Every structure is written in C-alpha cells, then in structure tokens.
Amino acid sequence: MGKRELIIYSMKKLILEKGYNNVTVEDITNDAGIAKGSFYTYFKNKSSVVDCILEEIIKKLNKRNFLDKRLSLTNSIKKIVLSRLKLEDDDLKDNLFLLNLFRNGGILESKTIDLLKIIDKIFLDALERLILFYSESVKLKREEARVYSKIINNIIFSYKVFTLFFSEKDNRYIVDINNIKNKYQSKEFEKNVEAISESILKILIY
C-alpha cells in the first residue's frame, strides 16, 4: 500500500474511532506511520482526504444499477431497500464513514457538503427512476416523483441511522461492521426489511 492509500485508510479508520471533528493530521500520519511532510505531498488538509474518499464512493455508486426492470414493483422495492441496508464489508465501512460526516455536517467544508449532496442525489435519482418506470402501478404525476423519492429515501435513511447503525444496549452508534453483520442474521432485521418495503409500496400505490 502506497503512502496516499495509507493516508486514506487511516482517515477512514480514525473517523470511525474518534469522529471527524477529533481527527488531526498528526493522528493520520501517526496511524499511517508516515512523516507529516509526506501527508502534504498528497493532501492539503484532512478535509481534502475526506473529499477524495467521497469522490471514490460517488464513482462506485454511479456504476451501480439499482433498478432491475425484470422484477415486479414489489420485488424492485425490496431489492432497492436491501441494496441500501444489507451491505458488503467495504460498503458498510463507507456507510459508517458517511454517517459520521452527516453527524458533523455543521463543521464540514462547503466542497464536502456538496459531495454529500451528490451522494444523496444518486439515491434520489434511483428511487425516482423506480417510480417512473412503474408508472402504470404508481399513479403519480412526473413532478410528484421527486417528492415521493425524498419521502422514501428518508424512511430508509432513518432506519439505517437510528436502528441498524445504532446500539440500543450501548446507547451509541456502532463503529464495528461485525456488529451490524450480526444484526443481518436476526429475524428482526428480516421483519424490518419487509415492513419498510411494504410501507413504501403502500405510499406509492394507495
């Protein structure tokens, strides 16, 4: 792993451990085992590291196809819910990283905020495409599709933030992906996915 990659790896790790506001450039270089001067060869400050990570996440999301046109509306909704909640290891780490940034929104640089908005737009666009594709079942006007996309996005996001990524026992946000993966094995998670999917379906067709 090169120095640039080490810096990015350490930034992701430290944000989960300490929170964005508490991470310093010195923390990053110490964790990465590199000199401070080496950091500034690649990045201007810690915010520019975050921006680099967000740009990579955006690239990954843009390559994904959230809509499978072969599926029924019901199954498409379930697929998109699962694609946002039941994640592979790298995506889980990205999501925990994003959650920490959202929680620190008031202190982020404007470019970082803009990149977070792009990520949000990718999810909204995917939901809007779903609504418009199933227009025969979803009796909404084209101009209403965006509003409903935001409602659905908020349902999924709220569950993720306040239930899936939160430990009731410890009364804090989870930072270890294994704890979330354990939740995936529970009957409660399955029931919640079904409940969220059914709620979204009702919102769209009733």
C-alpha atoms as a PDB file:
ATOM      1  CA  MET A   1       0.000   0.000   0.000  1.00  0.00           C
ATOM      2  CA  GLY A   2       1.450   3.382  -1.047  1.00  0.00           C
ATOM      3  CA  LYS A   3       1.531   6.453   1.198  1.00  0.00           C
ATOM      4  CA  ARG A   4      -1.539   8.011  -0.389  1.00  0.00           C
ATOM      5  CA  GLU A   5      -3.535   4.828   0.163  1.00  0.00           C
ATOM      6  CA  LEU A   6      -2.231   4.574   3.745  1.00  0.00           C
ATOM      7  CA  ILE A   7      -3.447   8.106   4.451  1.00  0.00           C
ATOM      8  CA  ILE A   8      -6.911   7.310   3.080  1.00  0.00           C
ATOM      9  CA  TYR A   9      -7.075   4.029   5.009  1.00  0.00           C
ATOM     10  CA  SER A  10      -6.054   5.726   8.265  1.00  0.00           C
ATOM     11  CA  MET A  11      -8.531   8.566   7.748  1.00  0.00           C
ATOM     12  CA  LYS A  12     -11.441   6.144   7.340  1.00  0.00           C
ATOM     13  CA  LYS A  13     -10.334   4.158  10.386  1.00  0.00           C
ATOM     14  CA  LEU A  14      -9.805   7.182  12.623  1.00  0.00           C
ATOM     15  CA  ILE A  15     -13.084   8.866  11.711  1.00  0.00           C
ATOM     16  CA  LEU A  16     -14.936   5.748  12.844  1.00  0.00           C
ATOM     17  CA  GLU A  17     -12.890   5.550  16.047  1.00  0.00           C
ATOM     18  CA  LYS A  18     -12.736   9.218  17.027  1.00  0.00           C
ATOM     19  CA  GLY A  19     -15.197  11.156  14.887  1.00  0.00           C
ATOM     20  CA  TYR A  20     -14.330  13.665  12.159  1.00  0.00           C
ATOM     21  CA  ASN A  21     -14.036  16.636  14.497  1.00  0.00           C
ATOM     22  CA  ASN A  22     -11.445  14.909  16.694  1.00  0.00           C
ATOM     23  CA  VAL A  23      -9.106  13.638  13.965  1.00  0.00           C
ATOM     24  CA  THR A  24      -5.981  15.690  13.271  1.00  0.00           C
ATOM     25  CA  VAL A  25      -3.377  15.453  10.515  1.00  0.00           C
ATOM     26  CA  GLU A  26      -0.937  14.279  13.192  1.00  0.00           C
ATOM     27  CA  ASP A  27      -3.316  11.447  14.126  1.00  0.00           C
ATOM     28  CA  ILE A  28      -3.477  10.388  10.478  1.00  0.00           C
ATOM     29  CA  THR A  29       0.289  10.406   9.942  1.00  0.00           C
ATOM     30  CA  ASN A  30       0.928   8.567  13.209  1.00  0.00           C
ATOM     31  CA  ASP A  31      -1.593   5.884  12.336  1.00  0.00           C
ATOM     32  CA  ALA A  32      -0.270   5.574   8.786  1.00  0.00           C
ATOM     33  CA  GLY A  33       3.345   5.508  10.022  1.00  0.00           C
ATOM     34  CA  ILE A  34       4.493   8.294   7.714  1.00  0.00           C
ATOM     35  CA  ALA A  35       6.118  11.703   8.167  1.00  0.00           C
ATOM     36  CA  LYS A  36       3.897  14.771   8.331  1.00  0.00           C
ATOM     37  CA  GLY A  37       5.586  16.175   5.236  1.00  0.00           C
ATOM     38  CA  SER A  38       4.523  13.124   3.267  1.00  0.00           C
ATOM     39  CA  PHE A  39       0.882  13.894   4.062  1.00  0.00           C
ATOM     40  CA  TYR A  40       1.112  17.333   2.457  1.00  0.00           C
ATOM     41  CA  THR A  41       2.648  15.819  -0.661  1.00  0.00           C
ATOM     42  CA  TYR A  42      -0.732  14.220  -1.361  1.00  0.00           C
ATOM     43  CA  PHE A  43      -3.315  16.295   0.510  1.00  0.00           C
ATOM     44  CA  LYS A  44      -3.796  19.898   1.575  1.00  0.00           C
ATOM     45  CA  ASN A  45      -5.588  19.095   4.829  1.00  0.00           C
ATOM     46  CA  LYS A  46      -7.821  16.439   6.428  1.00  0.00           C
ATOM     47  CA  SER A  47     -10.856  17.789   4.581  1.00  0.00           C
ATOM     48  CA  SER A  48      -9.223  17.085   1.225  1.00  0.00           C
ATOM     49  CA  VAL A  49      -8.709  13.446   2.300  1.00  0.00           C
ATOM     50  CA  VAL A  50     -12.414  13.185   3.093  1.00  0.00           C
ATOM     51  CA  ASP A  51     -13.276  14.711  -0.288  1.00  0.00           C
ATOM     52  CA  CYS A  52     -11.081  12.141  -2.027  1.00  0.00           C
ATOM     53  CA  ILE A  53     -12.878   9.313  -0.192  1.00  0.00           C
ATOM     54  CA  LEU A  54     -16.292  10.765  -1.093  1.00  0.00           C
ATOM     55  CA  GLU A  55     -15.321  11.070  -4.758  1.00  0.00           C
ATOM     56  CA  GLU A  56     -14.401   7.364  -4.771  1.00  0.00           C
ATOM     57  CA  ILE A  57     -17.742   6.477  -3.171  1.00  0.00           C
ATOM     58  CA  ILE A  58     -19.549   8.529  -5.834  1.00  0.00           C
ATOM     59  CA  LYS A  59     -17.702   6.658  -8.598  1.00  0.00           C
ATOM     60  CA  LYS A  60     -18.756   3.319  -7.113  1.00  0.00           C
ATOM     61  CA  LEU A  61     -22.385   4.368  -6.714  1.00  0.00           C
ATOM     62  CA  ASN A  62     -22.574   5.695 -10.272  1.00  0.00           C
ATOM     63  CA  LYS A  63     -21.608   2.249 -11.580  1.00  0.00           C
ATOM     64  CA  ARG A  64     -24.487   0.549  -9.792  1.00  0.00           C
ATOM     65  CA  ASN A  65     -27.827  -0.312 -11.277  1.00  0.00           C
ATOM     66  CA  PHE A  66     -30.405  -0.063  -8.500  1.00  0.00           C
ATOM     67  CA  LEU A  67     -33.335  -0.869 -10.779  1.00  0.00           C
ATOM     68  CA  ASP A  68     -33.928  -4.344 -12.203  1.00  0.00           C
ATOM     69  CA  LYS A  69     -36.611  -3.893 -14.868  1.00  0.00           C
ATOM     70  CA  ARG A  70     -37.355  -7.633 -14.924  1.00  0.00           C
ATOM     71  CA  LEU A  71     -38.821  -7.501 -11.407  1.00  0.00           C
ATOM     72  CA  SER A  72     -42.295  -6.613 -10.212  1.00  0.00           C
ATOM     73  CA  LEU A  73     -42.785  -3.333  -8.368  1.00  0.00           C
ATOM     74  CA  THR A  74     -42.943  -5.180  -5.031  1.00  0.00           C
ATOM     75  CA  ASN A  75     -39.684  -7.047  -5.647  1.00  0.00           C
ATOM     76  CA  SER A  76     -37.966  -3.953  -7.045  1.00  0.00           C
ATOM     77  CA  ILE A  77     -38.785  -2.043  -3.876  1.00  0.00           C
ATOM     78  CA  LYS A  78     -37.429  -4.864  -1.712  1.00  0.00           C
ATOM     79  CA  LYS A  79     -34.297  -5.053  -3.833  1.00  0.00           C
ATOM     80  CA  ILE A  80     -33.593  -1.335  -3.521  1.00  0.00           C
ATOM     81  CA  VAL A  81     -34.240  -1.435   0.257  1.00  0.00           C
ATOM     82  CA  LEU A  82     -31.834  -4.345   0.667  1.00  0.00           C
ATOM     83  CA  SER A  83     -29.247  -2.657  -1.552  1.00  0.00           C
ATOM     84  CA  ARG A  84     -29.273   0.290   0.867  1.00  0.00           C
ATOM     85  CA  LEU A  85     -29.294  -1.728   4.088  1.00  0.00           C
ATOM     86  CA  LYS A  86     -27.669  -5.151   3.674  1.00  0.00           C
ATOM     87  CA  LEU A  87     -24.162  -4.218   2.636  1.00  0.00           C
ATOM     88  CA  GLU A  88     -20.847  -5.909   1.942  1.00  0.00           C
ATOM     89  CA  ASP A  89     -17.882  -5.062   4.182  1.00  0.00           C
ATOM     90  CA  ASP A  90     -16.450  -2.204   2.100  1.00  0.00           C
ATOM     91  CA  ASP A  91     -19.869  -0.624   1.624  1.00  0.00           C
ATOM     92  CA  LEU A  92     -20.594  -0.952   5.346  1.00  0.00           C
ATOM     93  CA  LYS A  93     -17.387   0.915   6.139  1.00  0.00           C
ATOM     94  CA  ASP A  94     -18.300   3.585   3.597  1.00  0.00           C
ATOM     95  CA  ASN A  95     -21.752   3.950   5.139  1.00  0.00           C
ATOM     96  CA  LEU A  96     -20.433   4.275   8.681  1.00  0.00           C
ATOM     97  CA  PHE A  97     -17.966   6.845   7.371  1.00  0.00           C
ATOM     98  CA  LEU A  98     -20.801   8.780   5.688  1.00  0.00           C
ATOM     99  CA  LEU A  99     -22.916   8.622   8.825  1.00  0.00           C
ATOM    100  CA  ASN A 100     -20.137  10.226  10.848  1.00  0.00           C
ATOM    101  CA  LEU A 101     -19.845  13.022   8.306  1.00  0.00           C
ATOM    102  CA  PHE A 102     -23.616  13.650   8.334  1.00  0.00           C
ATOM    103  CA  ARG A 103     -23.463  13.895  12.113  1.00  0.00           C
ATOM    104  CA  ASN A 104     -20.705  16.506  11.787  1.00  0.00           C
ATOM    105  CA  GLY A 105     -22.355  18.450   8.970  1.00  0.00           C
ATOM    106  CA  GLY A 106     -22.076  21.781  10.755  1.00  0.00           C
ATOM    107  CA  ILE A 107     -18.267  21.801  10.655  1.00  0.00           C
ATOM    108  CA  LEU A 108     -17.634  20.385   7.180  1.00  0.00           C
ATOM    109  CA  GLU A 109     -16.147  22.376   4.309  1.00  0.00           C
ATOM    110  CA  SER A 110     -18.535  23.506   1.569  1.00  0.00           C
ATOM    111  CA  LYS A 111     -16.970  21.154  -1.007  1.00  0.00           C
ATOM    112  CA  THR A 112     -17.504  18.204   1.334  1.00  0.00           C
ATOM    113  CA  ILE A 113     -21.153  19.201   1.796  1.00  0.00           C
ATOM    114  CA  ASP A 114     -21.546  19.400  -1.985  1.00  0.00           C
ATOM    115  CA  LEU A 115     -20.130  15.890  -2.393  1.00  0.00           C
ATOM    116  CA  LEU A 116     -22.519  14.552   0.247  1.00  0.00           C
ATOM    117  CA  LYS A 117     -25.368  16.180  -1.666  1.00  0.00           C
ATOM    118  CA  ILE A 118     -24.232  14.379  -4.834  1.00  0.00           C
ATOM    119  CA  ILE A 119     -24.395  11.048  -2.983  1.00  0.00           C
ATOM    120  CA  ASP A 120     -27.870  11.882  -1.754  1.00  0.00           C
ATOM    121  CA  LYS A 121     -28.889  12.821  -5.305  1.00  0.00           C
ATOM    122  CA  ILE A 122     -27.703   9.452  -6.639  1.00  0.00           C
ATOM    123  CA  PHE A 123     -30.056   7.670  -4.237  1.00  0.00           C
ATOM    124  CA  LEU A 124     -32.924  10.045  -5.019  1.00  0.00           C
ATOM    125  CA  ASP A 125     -32.415   9.588  -8.764  1.00  0.00           C
ATOM    126  CA  ALA A 126     -32.526   5.799  -8.350  1.00  0.00           C
ATOM    127  CA  LEU A 127     -35.801   5.991  -6.445  1.00  0.00           C
ATOM    128  CA  GLU A 128     -37.275   8.413  -8.961  1.00  0.00           C
ATOM    129  CA  ARG A 129     -36.370   6.072 -11.825  1.00  0.00           C
ATOM    130  CA  LEU A 130     -38.144   3.256  -9.993  1.00  0.00           C
ATOM    131  CA  ILE A 131     -41.297   5.351  -9.527  1.00  0.00           C
ATOM    132  CA  LEU A 132     -41.384   6.470 -13.146  1.00  0.00           C
ATOM    133  CA  PHE A 133     -40.656   3.008 -14.550  1.00  0.00           C
ATOM    134  CA  TYR A 134     -43.669   1.522 -12.747  1.00  0.00           C
ATOM    135  CA  SER A 135     -45.953   4.391 -13.727  1.00  0.00           C
ATOM    136  CA  GLU A 136     -48.829   2.010 -14.553  1.00  0.00           C
ATOM    137  CA  SER A 137     -48.947   0.862 -10.922  1.00  0.00           C
ATOM    138  CA  VAL A 138     -47.731   4.071  -9.311  1.00  0.00           C
ATOM    139  CA  LYS A 139     -50.315   6.701 -10.140  1.00  0.00           C
ATOM    140  CA  LEU A 140     -48.159   9.768  -9.578  1.00  0.00           C
ATOM    141  CA  LYS A 141     -47.504  12.771 -11.739  1.00  0.00           C
ATOM    142  CA  ARG A 142     -43.950  13.133 -13.002  1.00  0.00           C
ATOM    143  CA  GLU A 143     -43.457  16.260 -10.890  1.00  0.00           C
ATOM    144  CA  GLU A 144     -44.559  14.327  -7.781  1.00  0.00           C
ATOM    145  CA  ALA A 145     -41.978  11.589  -8.268  1.00  0.00           C
ATOM    146  CA  ARG A 146     -39.158  13.621  -6.732  1.00  0.00           C
ATOM    147  CA  VAL A 147     -41.151  14.453  -3.618  1.00  0.00           C
ATOM    148  CA  TYR A 148     -42.037  10.797  -3.077  1.00  0.00           C
ATOM    149  CA  SER A 149     -38.416   9.810  -3.735  1.00  0.00           C
ATOM    150  CA  LYS A 150     -37.369  12.062  -0.863  1.00  0.00           C
ATOM    151  CA  ILE A 151     -40.007  10.570   1.448  1.00  0.00           C
ATOM    152  CA  ILE A 152     -38.862   7.023   0.661  1.00  0.00           C
ATOM    153  CA  ASN A 153     -35.201   7.962   0.962  1.00  0.00           C
ATOM    154  CA  ASN A 154     -35.852   9.433   4.406  1.00  0.00           C
ATOM    155  CA  ILE A 155     -37.589   6.230   5.552  1.00  0.00           C
ATOM    156  CA  ILE A 156     -34.602   4.090   4.536  1.00  0.00           C
ATOM    157  CA  PHE A 157     -32.064   6.581   5.887  1.00  0.00           C
ATOM    158  CA  SER A 158     -33.847   6.935   9.241  1.00  0.00           C
ATOM    159  CA  TYR A 159     -33.968   3.179   9.778  1.00  0.00           C
ATOM    160  CA  LYS A 160     -30.303   2.877   8.919  1.00  0.00           C
ATOM    161  CA  VAL A 161     -29.207   5.713  11.217  1.00  0.00           C
ATOM    162  CA  PHE A 162     -31.465   5.210  14.227  1.00  0.00           C
ATOM    163  CA  THR A 163     -31.848   1.409  14.241  1.00  0.00           C
ATOM    164  CA  LEU A 164     -29.393  -0.523  12.085  1.00  0.00           C
ATOM    165  CA  PHE A 165     -26.303   1.552  12.874  1.00  0.00           C
ATOM    166  CA  PHE A 166     -27.276   2.310  16.459  1.00  0.00           C
ATOM    167  CA  SER A 167     -26.749   0.139  19.541  1.00  0.00           C
ATOM    168  CA  GLU A 168     -29.646   0.427  21.980  1.00  0.00           C
ATOM    169  CA  LYS A 169     -27.653  -1.552  24.529  1.00  0.00           C
ATOM    170  CA  ASP A 170     -24.672   0.822  24.482  1.00  0.00           C
ATOM    171  CA  ASN A 171     -26.722   3.919  23.545  1.00  0.00           C
ATOM    172  CA  ARG A 172     -24.239   4.911  20.856  1.00  0.00           C
ATOM    173  CA  TYR A 173     -23.534   4.496  17.162  1.00  0.00           C
ATOM    174  CA  ILE A 174     -21.863   1.286  16.040  1.00  0.00           C
ATOM    175  CA  VAL A 175     -18.326   1.526  14.642  1.00  0.00           C
ATOM    176  CA  ASP A 176     -17.563  -2.185  14.183  1.00  0.00           C
ATOM    177  CA  ILE A 177     -19.048  -3.637  10.997  1.00  0.00           C
ATOM    178  CA  ASN A 178     -19.223  -7.088  12.606  1.00  0.00           C
ATOM    179  CA  ASN A 179     -21.873  -5.807  15.000  1.00  0.00           C
ATOM    180  CA  ILE A 180     -24.003  -4.724  12.049  1.00  0.00           C
ATOM    181  CA  LYS A 181     -23.402  -8.019  10.248  1.00  0.00           C
ATOM    182  CA  ASN A 182     -24.686  -9.797  13.350  1.00  0.00           C
ATOM    183  CA  LYS A 183     -27.894  -7.767  13.064  1.00  0.00           C
ATOM    184  CA  TYR A 184     -28.277  -9.038   9.497  1.00  0.00           C
ATOM    185  CA  GLN A 185     -28.669 -12.579  10.867  1.00  0.00           C
ATOM    186  CA  SER A 186     -31.593 -11.661  13.115  1.00  0.00           C
ATOM    187  CA  LYS A 187     -35.272 -12.285  12.446  1.00  0.00           C
ATOM    188  CA  GLU A 188     -35.886  -8.681  13.465  1.00  0.00           C
ATOM    189  CA  PHE A 189     -33.824  -7.402  10.530  1.00  0.00           C
ATOM    190  CA  GLU A 190     -35.806  -9.553   8.099  1.00  0.00           C
ATOM    191  CA  LYS A 191     -39.082  -8.285   9.570  1.00  0.00           C
ATOM    192  CA  ASN A 192     -37.890  -4.680   9.372  1.00  0.00           C
ATOM    193  CA  VAL A 193     -36.907  -5.024   5.713  1.00  0.00           C
ATOM    194  CA  GLU A 194     -40.355  -6.451   4.963  1.00  0.00           C
ATOM    195  CA  ALA A 195     -42.073  -3.700   6.954  1.00  0.00           C
ATOM    196  CA  ILE A 196     -40.085  -0.935   5.243  1.00  0.00           C
ATOM    197  CA  SER A 197     -40.720  -2.430   1.788  1.00  0.00           C
ATOM    198  CA  GLU A 198     -44.449  -2.802   2.458  1.00  0.00           C
ATOM    199  CA  SER A 199     -44.680   0.750   3.800  1.00  0.00           C
ATOM    200  CA  ILE A 200     -43.001   2.117   0.677  1.00  0.00           C
ATOM    201  CA  LEU A 201     -45.339   0.092  -1.551  1.00  0.00           C
ATOM    202  CA  LYS A 202     -48.375   1.485   0.279  1.00  0.00           C
ATOM    203  CA  ILE A 203     -47.070   5.035  -0.045  1.00  0.00           C
ATOM    204  CA  LEU A 204     -46.701   4.582  -3.795  1.00  0.00           C
ATOM    205  CA  ILE A 205     -49.904   2.787  -4.749  1.00  0.00           C
ATOM    206  CA  TYR A 206     -52.557   3.920  -2.248  1.00  0.00           C
END
